């Protein structure tokens, strides 16, 4: 029997839009701590908040706006979100205070969260169920590429304090994403009266897809740990005198991510999640421990490769599982719920970990982050792995 096709025109367009949005996200994130510190004299915790508020904004949009995606229409909501994100990208050029930066970051995060929820919803709809794990792995290569190119551009532009160049990335990327979104042909849902009523309701059950929560918490704890790498790599590199090497750190992360996403999706579809999730956690924790004691460029790149390999598996496989448990008309809420919890971990992490850095330093903070990743593993095994981890979810639900 011929396999259902993955790489359709709409798949490629949606992945390209995701790439544009993620590229701007990582380019900004890598610079936000430094921008807030240099421009407004912010402390580590205050600068971490400037980085984290973007993610918190994304969380709020996923919770309160994700349920409207099917109601408004997937394509229409995506266009609205991208247009708003483009407008917000212009405001960075005029920021004049730390408080104004906080507001901009929150609003921009709202736009990013909604647009990424739309792209995730769209891809969940167009992928064949029997190849969802493989397809999501390929789709999230868009984020992988952004993880490599975004920080590289951010560090290259921001190292000389040329933040206008950093902010210009958003203008270019969101303009391109908006253009690509107009070319999309997106399958839409026909909602009945009950489903329309649910979309208008603000009860917890309709705002959140409860079946997604356990694995969403797993991802939240995991990304809380990883947020310390994302937000503080530039500052950490200065303390260990590896600034030049750090410019290529995310290339190593991306190499690990690419290898995992090209190989593990098929394994998940055939044999279930545990066979890849267990080693993914082990590899990530080892990478984080190496990262905590980096002394040269080679160690930095090895740590990045290992963390990238593990990180990509945890996110994409957990999302594949929660989508498999969701009815089609709730895909928007499901992907929003999962991403919102992940955003919460990524958003709270920089501020909380910034306090840890002040009290115990970078190295011990990253050891603690490795321990937090272990906690995420035990959550995964408790909520899913021990009972359902040895079967393909698309065949079981």
Protein backbone atom coordinates (compact mmCIF):
# COMPACT_ATOMS: atom_id res chain seq x y z
CA UNK A 1 0.00 0.00 0.00
CA UNK A 2 1.33 3.43 -0.97
CA UNK A 3 2.14 5.72 1.94
CA UNK A 4 0.17 8.94 2.35
CA UNK A 5 2.14 11.91 1.04
CA UNK A 6 3.82 14.25 3.55
CA UNK A 7 5.58 16.96 1.55
CA UNK A 8 2.67 18.75 -0.07
CA UNK A 9 2.77 22.40 -1.15
CA UNK A 10 0.77 23.43 1.92
CA UNK A 11 3.09 21.45 4.21
CA UNK A 12 6.07 23.34 2.80
CA UNK A 13 4.31 26.72 3.04
CA UNK A 14 3.25 26.11 6.64
CA UNK A 15 6.76 24.96 7.58
CA UNK A 16 8.24 28.05 5.92
CA UNK A 17 5.92 30.34 7.87
CA UNK A 18 6.93 28.55 11.06
CA UNK A 19 10.57 29.04 10.10
CA UNK A 20 10.11 32.79 9.62
CA UNK A 21 8.33 33.26 12.96
CA UNK A 22 10.81 31.09 14.87
CA UNK A 23 13.79 32.77 13.26
CA UNK A 24 12.70 36.14 14.61
CA UNK A 25 11.93 34.61 18.01
CA UNK A 26 15.44 33.20 18.46
CA UNK A 27 17.18 36.25 17.00
CA UNK A 28 15.43 38.47 19.54
CA UNK A 29 15.69 36.08 22.47
CA UNK A 30 19.45 35.76 22.25
CA UNK A 31 19.77 39.56 22.48
CA UNK A 32 17.05 40.60 24.87
CA UNK A 33 19.01 40.13 28.10
CA UNK A 34 21.93 42.10 26.70
CA UNK A 35 19.67 44.80 25.20
CA UNK A 36 17.84 45.37 28.48
CA UNK A 37 21.09 45.40 30.47
CA UNK A 38 23.04 47.71 28.16
CA UNK A 39 20.24 50.09 27.21
CA UNK A 40 18.38 50.38 30.52
CA UNK A 41 20.86 49.08 33.11
CA UNK A 42 18.64 46.12 34.01
CA UNK A 43 19.77 43.49 36.50
CA UNK A 44 20.02 39.81 35.48
CA UNK A 45 16.53 39.10 36.86
CA UNK A 46 15.02 42.22 35.23
CA UNK A 47 16.66 41.43 31.91
CA UNK A 48 15.49 37.82 32.21
CA UNK A 49 11.95 39.12 32.63
CA UNK A 50 12.29 41.05 29.36
CA UNK A 51 13.17 37.75 27.67
CA UNK A 52 10.50 35.76 29.47
CA UNK A 53 7.54 38.11 28.98
CA UNK A 54 7.50 37.34 25.28
CA UNK A 55 6.88 33.71 26.12
CA UNK A 56 4.29 34.59 28.76
CA UNK A 57 2.46 36.63 26.13
CA UNK A 58 2.49 33.58 23.89
CA UNK A 59 1.08 31.52 26.74
CA UNK A 60 -1.84 33.90 27.27
CA UNK A 61 -2.71 33.97 23.59
CA UNK A 62 -2.66 30.18 23.38
CA UNK A 63 -4.97 29.84 26.38
CA UNK A 64 -7.51 32.53 25.53
CA UNK A 65 -7.30 32.77 21.73
CA UNK A 66 -6.39 29.25 20.62
CA UNK A 67 -9.99 28.09 20.88
CA UNK A 68 -11.05 30.65 18.28
CA UNK A 69 -8.82 29.26 15.52
CA UNK A 70 -11.40 26.81 14.16
CA UNK A 71 -14.21 29.33 14.73
CA UNK A 72 -12.56 32.20 12.85
CA UNK A 73 -10.85 29.90 10.36
CA UNK A 74 -7.30 28.60 10.44
CA UNK A 75 -6.00 30.64 7.52
CA UNK A 76 -7.79 33.85 8.48
CA UNK A 77 -6.55 33.68 12.07
CA UNK A 78 -3.00 33.03 10.87
CA UNK A 79 -3.09 36.11 8.63
CA UNK A 80 -4.43 38.26 11.49
CA UNK A 81 -1.72 37.02 13.85
CA UNK A 82 1.10 37.58 11.36
CA UNK A 83 -0.10 41.08 10.49
CA UNK A 84 -0.22 41.99 14.18
CA UNK A 85 3.25 40.50 14.75
CA UNK A 86 4.61 42.56 11.87
CA UNK A 87 3.16 45.71 13.40
CA UNK A 88 4.67 44.87 16.80
CA UNK A 89 8.08 44.29 15.20
CA UNK A 90 8.14 47.98 14.24
CA UNK A 91 7.74 49.13 17.85
CA UNK A 92 11.16 47.90 19.02
CA UNK A 93 12.81 50.78 17.17
CA UNK A 94 11.04 53.29 19.45
CA UNK A 95 11.36 51.67 22.89
CA UNK A 96 12.44 54.26 25.47
CA UNK A 97 12.14 52.54 28.88
CA UNK A 98 12.34 49.15 30.51
CA UNK A 99 8.62 49.21 31.26
CA UNK A 100 7.83 50.00 27.63
CA UNK A 101 10.05 47.09 26.60
CA UNK A 102 8.08 44.81 28.94
CA UNK A 103 4.78 45.86 27.32
CA UNK A 104 6.14 45.40 23.81
CA UNK A 105 7.54 41.98 24.64
CA UNK A 106 4.23 40.86 26.11
CA UNK A 107 2.19 42.05 23.12
CA UNK A 108 4.65 40.66 20.60
CA UNK A 109 4.54 37.35 22.42
CA UNK A 110 0.75 37.35 22.13
CA UNK A 111 1.07 37.65 18.35
CA UNK A 112 3.78 35.00 18.12
CA UNK A 113 1.85 32.57 20.29
CA UNK A 114 -1.25 32.88 18.15
CA UNK A 115 0.63 32.52 14.87
CA UNK A 116 2.54 29.45 16.06
CA UNK A 117 -0.70 27.93 17.36
CA UNK A 118 -2.19 28.41 13.90
CA UNK A 119 0.76 26.79 12.11
CA UNK A 120 0.68 23.89 14.58
CA UNK A 121 -3.08 23.49 14.14
CA UNK A 122 -2.77 23.56 10.35
CA UNK A 123 -0.02 20.97 10.23
CA UNK A 124 -1.92 18.67 12.59
CA UNK A 125 -4.87 18.81 10.21
CA UNK A 126 -3.03 18.20 6.96
CA UNK A 127 -0.75 15.37 8.15
CA UNK A 128 -2.00 11.79 7.68
CA UNK A 129 -2.61 10.23 11.10
CA UNK A 130 -0.54 7.13 10.39
CA UNK A 131 2.54 9.27 9.65
CA UNK A 132 1.96 12.04 12.20
CA UNK A 133 5.08 11.36 14.27
CA UNK A 134 7.27 11.36 11.17
CA UNK A 135 5.52 14.40 9.71
CA UNK A 136 5.77 16.47 12.87
CA UNK A 137 9.45 15.62 13.09
CA UNK A 138 9.99 17.00 9.60
CA UNK A 139 7.76 20.00 10.24
CA UNK A 140 9.67 21.03 13.35
CA UNK A 141 12.88 21.06 11.36
CA UNK A 142 11.68 24.59 10.60
CA UNK A 143 12.21 25.44 14.26
CA UNK A 144 15.52 23.57 14.19
CA UNK A 145 16.84 25.68 11.34
CA UNK A 146 15.70 28.81 13.16
CA UNK A 147 17.43 27.58 16.31
CA UNK A 148 20.70 27.57 14.39
CA UNK A 149 20.38 30.66 12.21
CA UNK A 150 18.50 32.91 14.65
CA UNK A 151 21.02 32.91 17.50
CA UNK A 152 23.88 33.13 15.01
CA UNK A 153 22.37 36.25 13.43
CA UNK A 154 21.46 37.60 16.85
CA UNK A 155 24.96 37.22 18.24
CA UNK A 156 26.55 38.51 15.03
CA UNK A 157 24.37 41.65 15.00
CA UNK A 158 24.09 42.20 18.74
CA UNK A 159 27.74 41.75 19.65
CA UNK A 160 28.48 45.32 18.49
CA UNK A 161 25.32 46.73 20.04
CA UNK A 162 23.67 47.10 16.63
CA UNK A 163 20.19 46.26 17.91
CA UNK A 164 18.42 47.99 15.02
CA UNK A 165 19.77 45.23 12.77
CA UNK A 166 18.45 42.65 15.22
CA UNK A 167 15.01 44.24 15.20
CA UNK A 168 15.02 44.46 11.39
CA UNK A 169 14.98 40.66 11.23
CA UNK A 170 11.42 40.75 12.52
CA UNK A 171 10.30 43.12 9.78
CA UNK A 172 11.75 40.92 7.05
CA UNK A 173 10.61 37.60 8.49
CA UNK A 174 7.03 38.57 9.29
CA UNK A 175 6.60 40.30 5.92
CA UNK A 176 7.68 37.09 4.20
CA UNK A 177 5.50 34.93 6.47
CA UNK A 178 2.47 37.11 5.76
CA UNK A 179 3.03 36.76 2.02
CA UNK A 180 3.37 32.98 2.27
CA UNK A 181 0.20 32.70 4.37
CA UNK A 182 -1.84 34.18 1.52
CA UNK A 183 -0.81 31.22 -0.67
CA UNK A 184 -1.94 28.55 1.82
CA UNK A 185 -4.93 26.33 1.13
CA UNK A 186 -6.08 25.19 4.55
CA UNK A 187 -8.72 22.57 5.40
CA UNK A 188 -11.29 24.19 7.69
CA UNK A 189 -13.73 22.66 10.15
CA UNK A 190 -17.52 22.96 9.86
CA UNK A 191 -18.64 23.45 13.44
CA UNK A 192 -22.07 22.52 14.66
CA UNK A 193 -24.09 24.66 17.08
CA UNK A 194 -22.68 22.89 20.15
CA UNK A 195 -19.10 23.34 19.01
CA UNK A 196 -19.68 27.02 18.22
CA UNK A 197 -21.12 27.47 21.70
CA UNK A 198 -18.05 25.80 23.18
CA UNK A 199 -15.77 28.17 21.24
CA UNK A 200 -17.57 31.18 22.71
CA UNK A 201 -17.51 29.77 26.25
CA UNK A 202 -14.79 30.73 28.73
CA UNK A 203 -15.07 27.68 30.94
CA UNK A 204 -11.83 25.92 31.81
CA UNK A 205 -12.89 22.83 29.85
CA UNK A 206 -13.27 24.86 26.66
CA UNK A 207 -10.12 26.95 27.15
CA UNK A 208 -7.91 23.94 27.85
CA UNK A 209 -7.82 20.47 26.29
CA UNK A 210 -7.59 18.43 29.47
CA UNK A 211 -6.24 15.31 27.74
CA UNK A 212 -3.17 17.34 26.73
CA UNK A 213 -2.36 18.65 30.22
CA UNK A 214 -0.27 15.77 31.65
CA UNK A 215 2.22 15.74 28.79
CA UNK A 216 2.04 19.52 28.56
CA UNK A 217 3.26 19.68 32.17
CA UNK A 218 6.05 17.27 31.20
CA UNK A 219 7.14 19.65 28.45
CA UNK A 220 6.74 22.69 30.72
CA UNK A 221 9.18 21.32 33.31
CA UNK A 222 11.59 20.25 30.59
CA UNK A 223 11.65 23.65 28.89
CA UNK A 224 12.00 25.42 32.23
CA UNK A 225 15.35 23.64 32.44
CA UNK A 226 16.33 24.40 28.84
CA UNK A 227 15.36 28.10 29.09
CA UNK A 228 18.55 28.71 31.06
CA UNK A 229 20.54 27.80 27.97
CA UNK A 230 18.40 29.82 25.57
CA UNK A 231 18.36 33.05 27.56
CA UNK A 232 21.84 33.14 29.11
CA UNK A 233 24.17 31.59 26.53
CA UNK A 234 25.65 34.99 25.58
CA UNK A 235 26.30 36.00 29.19
CA UNK A 236 27.57 32.54 30.12
CA UNK A 237 29.95 32.55 27.14
CA UNK A 238 31.49 35.79 28.40
CA UNK A 239 32.13 34.33 31.86
CA UNK A 240 33.92 31.27 30.43
CA UNK A 241 35.73 33.28 27.74
CA UNK A 242 34.12 31.45 24.80
CA UNK A 243 32.26 34.29 23.10
CA UNK A 244 33.51 33.44 19.62
CA UNK A 245 32.75 29.73 20.03
CA UNK A 246 29.26 30.50 21.36
CA UNK A 247 28.32 32.04 18.03
CA UNK A 248 28.33 28.51 16.60
CA UNK A 249 26.82 26.78 19.63
CA UNK A 250 23.35 26.60 18.12
CA UNK A 251 24.73 25.05 14.95
CA UNK A 252 25.72 22.12 17.16
CA UNK A 253 22.26 22.16 18.80
CA UNK A 254 20.66 22.14 15.37
CA UNK A 255 22.86 19.29 14.14
CA UNK A 256 21.61 17.13 17.01
CA UNK A 257 18.04 18.21 16.36
CA UNK A 258 18.19 17.49 12.64
CA UNK A 259 19.54 13.98 13.19
CA UNK A 260 16.88 13.16 15.77
CA UNK A 261 14.00 14.52 13.72
CA UNK A 262 15.06 12.76 10.54
CA UNK A 263 15.21 9.38 12.28
CA UNK A 264 12.99 9.17 15.36
CA UNK A 265 9.56 10.04 13.89
CA UNK A 266 9.41 6.79 11.94
CA UNK A 267 10.46 4.83 15.02
CA UNK A 268 7.69 6.43 17.06
CA UNK A 269 5.07 5.65 14.40
CA UNK A 270 6.20 2.01 14.32
CA UNK A 271 7.12 1.22 17.94
CA UNK A 272 5.73 3.90 20.24
CA UNK A 273 7.39 6.69 22.23
CA UNK A 274 9.37 5.02 25.04
CA UNK A 275 12.03 3.54 22.80
CA UNK A 276 13.12 7.06 21.82
CA UNK A 277 11.96 9.18 24.77
CA UNK A 278 14.04 7.35 27.38
CA UNK A 279 17.37 7.78 25.55
CA UNK A 280 16.39 11.33 24.62
CA UNK A 281 16.18 12.32 28.28
CA UNK A 282 19.42 10.54 29.12
CA UNK A 283 21.27 12.29 26.31
CA UNK A 284 19.83 15.71 27.21
CA UNK A 285 20.82 15.44 30.88
CA UNK A 286 24.35 14.38 29.94
CA UNK A 287 24.55 17.36 27.58
CA UNK A 288 23.38 19.76 30.28
CA UNK A 289 25.94 18.43 32.76
CA UNK A 290 28.73 18.84 30.20
CA UNK A 291 27.45 22.36 29.51
CA UNK A 292 27.67 23.23 33.21
CA UNK A 293 31.41 22.56 33.21
CA UNK A 294 32.45 23.72 29.74
CA UNK A 295 36.11 24.71 29.44
CA UNK A 296 36.70 24.72 25.69
CA UNK A 297 34.86 25.02 22.38
CA UNK A 298 34.73 21.26 21.72
CA UNK A 299 32.94 20.60 25.02
CA UNK A 300 30.53 23.43 24.21
CA UNK A 301 29.64 21.91 20.85
CA UNK A 302 29.30 18.37 22.22
CA UNK A 303 26.94 19.67 24.92
CA UNK A 304 24.92 21.56 22.32
CA UNK A 305 24.64 18.52 20.04
CA UNK A 306 23.44 16.28 22.88
CA UNK A 307 20.93 18.80 24.20
CA UNK A 308 19.59 19.44 20.70
CA UNK A 309 19.14 15.72 20.08
CA UNK A 310 17.18 15.17 23.28
CA UNK A 311 15.18 18.39 23.23
CA UNK A 312 13.70 17.88 19.77
CA UNK A 313 12.45 14.40 20.62
CA UNK A 314 10.76 15.40 23.88
CA UNK A 315 8.80 18.24 22.29
CA UNK A 316 7.74 16.69 18.98
CA UNK A 317 6.83 13.27 20.38
CA UNK A 318 4.84 14.67 23.30
CA UNK A 319 2.93 16.88 20.87
CA UNK A 320 2.29 13.98 18.50
CA UNK A 321 0.78 12.02 21.39
CA UNK A 322 -1.55 14.79 22.58
CA UNK A 323 -2.77 15.54 19.03
CA UNK A 324 -3.52 11.83 18.55
CA UNK A 325 -5.81 11.97 21.57
CA UNK A 326 -7.72 15.04 20.35
CA UNK A 327 -10.83 15.32 18.14
CA UNK A 328 -10.19 17.28 14.93
CA UNK A 329 -12.35 20.26 15.89
CA UNK A 330 -10.23 20.67 19.04
CA UNK A 331 -6.81 20.59 17.35
CA UNK A 332 -6.42 24.33 17.85
CA UNK A 333 -7.15 24.10 21.57
CA UNK A 334 -4.98 20.99 21.92
CA UNK A 335 -1.89 22.45 20.26
CA UNK A 336 -2.48 25.73 22.13
CA UNK A 337 -2.75 23.95 25.48
CA UNK A 338 0.45 22.00 24.88
CA UNK A 339 2.37 25.03 23.66
CA UNK A 340 0.99 27.25 26.46
CA UNK A 341 2.38 25.01 29.17
CA UNK A 342 5.69 24.77 27.32
CA UNK A 343 5.73 28.56 27.04
CA UNK A 344 5.06 28.85 30.76
CA UNK A 345 8.19 26.85 31.49
CA UNK A 346 10.25 28.84 28.99
CA UNK A 347 8.83 32.14 30.25
CA UNK A 348 9.27 31.58 33.98
CA UNK A 349 12.68 30.01 33.56
CA UNK A 350 14.79 33.09 32.73
CA UNK A 351 13.52 35.09 35.72
CA UNK A 352 13.77 32.28 38.27
CA UNK A 353 17.09 31.03 36.94
CA UNK A 354 18.39 34.60 36.90
CA UNK A 355 17.94 34.64 40.67
CA UNK A 356 19.80 31.33 40.93
CA UNK A 357 22.68 32.72 38.87
CA UNK A 358 23.03 35.61 41.31
CA UNK A 359 23.19 33.25 44.28
CA UNK A 360 25.14 30.23 43.00
CA UNK A 361 26.64 31.10 39.60
CA UNK A 362 26.14 29.68 36.13
CA UNK A 363 27.76 26.28 36.61
CA UNK A 364 25.64 25.23 39.60
CA UNK A 365 22.54 26.68 37.98
CA UNK A 366 23.00 24.41 34.97
CA UNK A 367 23.53 21.37 37.22
CA UNK A 368 20.19 22.24 38.84
CA UNK A 369 18.67 22.48 35.34
CA UNK A 370 19.88 18.94 34.62
CA UNK A 371 18.08 17.81 37.77
CA UNK A 372 14.90 19.56 36.65
CA UNK A 373 15.08 17.67 33.35
CA UNK A 374 15.22 14.42 35.36
CA UNK A 375 12.04 15.52 37.14
CA UNK A 376 10.41 15.98 33.72
CA UNK A 377 11.39 12.42 32.80
CA UNK A 378 9.71 10.98 35.88
CA UNK A 379 6.59 13.01 35.13
CA UNK A 380 6.52 11.59 31.59
CA UNK A 381 6.89 8.02 32.83
CA UNK A 382 4.19 8.56 35.45
CA UNK A 383 1.57 10.14 33.19
CA UNK A 384 2.22 8.17 30.02
CA UNK A 385 5.36 6.09 29.60
CA UNK A 386 4.66 3.29 32.08
CA UNK A 387 1.13 2.64 30.76
CA UNK A 388 1.11 3.62 27.09
CA UNK A 389 4.71 4.10 26.05
CA UNK A 390 5.13 0.98 23.97
CA UNK A 391 2.46 1.57 21.33
CA UNK A 392 1.70 3.98 18.49
CA UNK A 393 -0.83 6.53 19.74
CA UNK A 394 -2.39 7.14 16.29
CA UNK A 395 -3.42 3.48 16.29
CA UNK A 396 -4.57 3.42 19.91
CA UNK A 397 -6.95 6.36 20.15
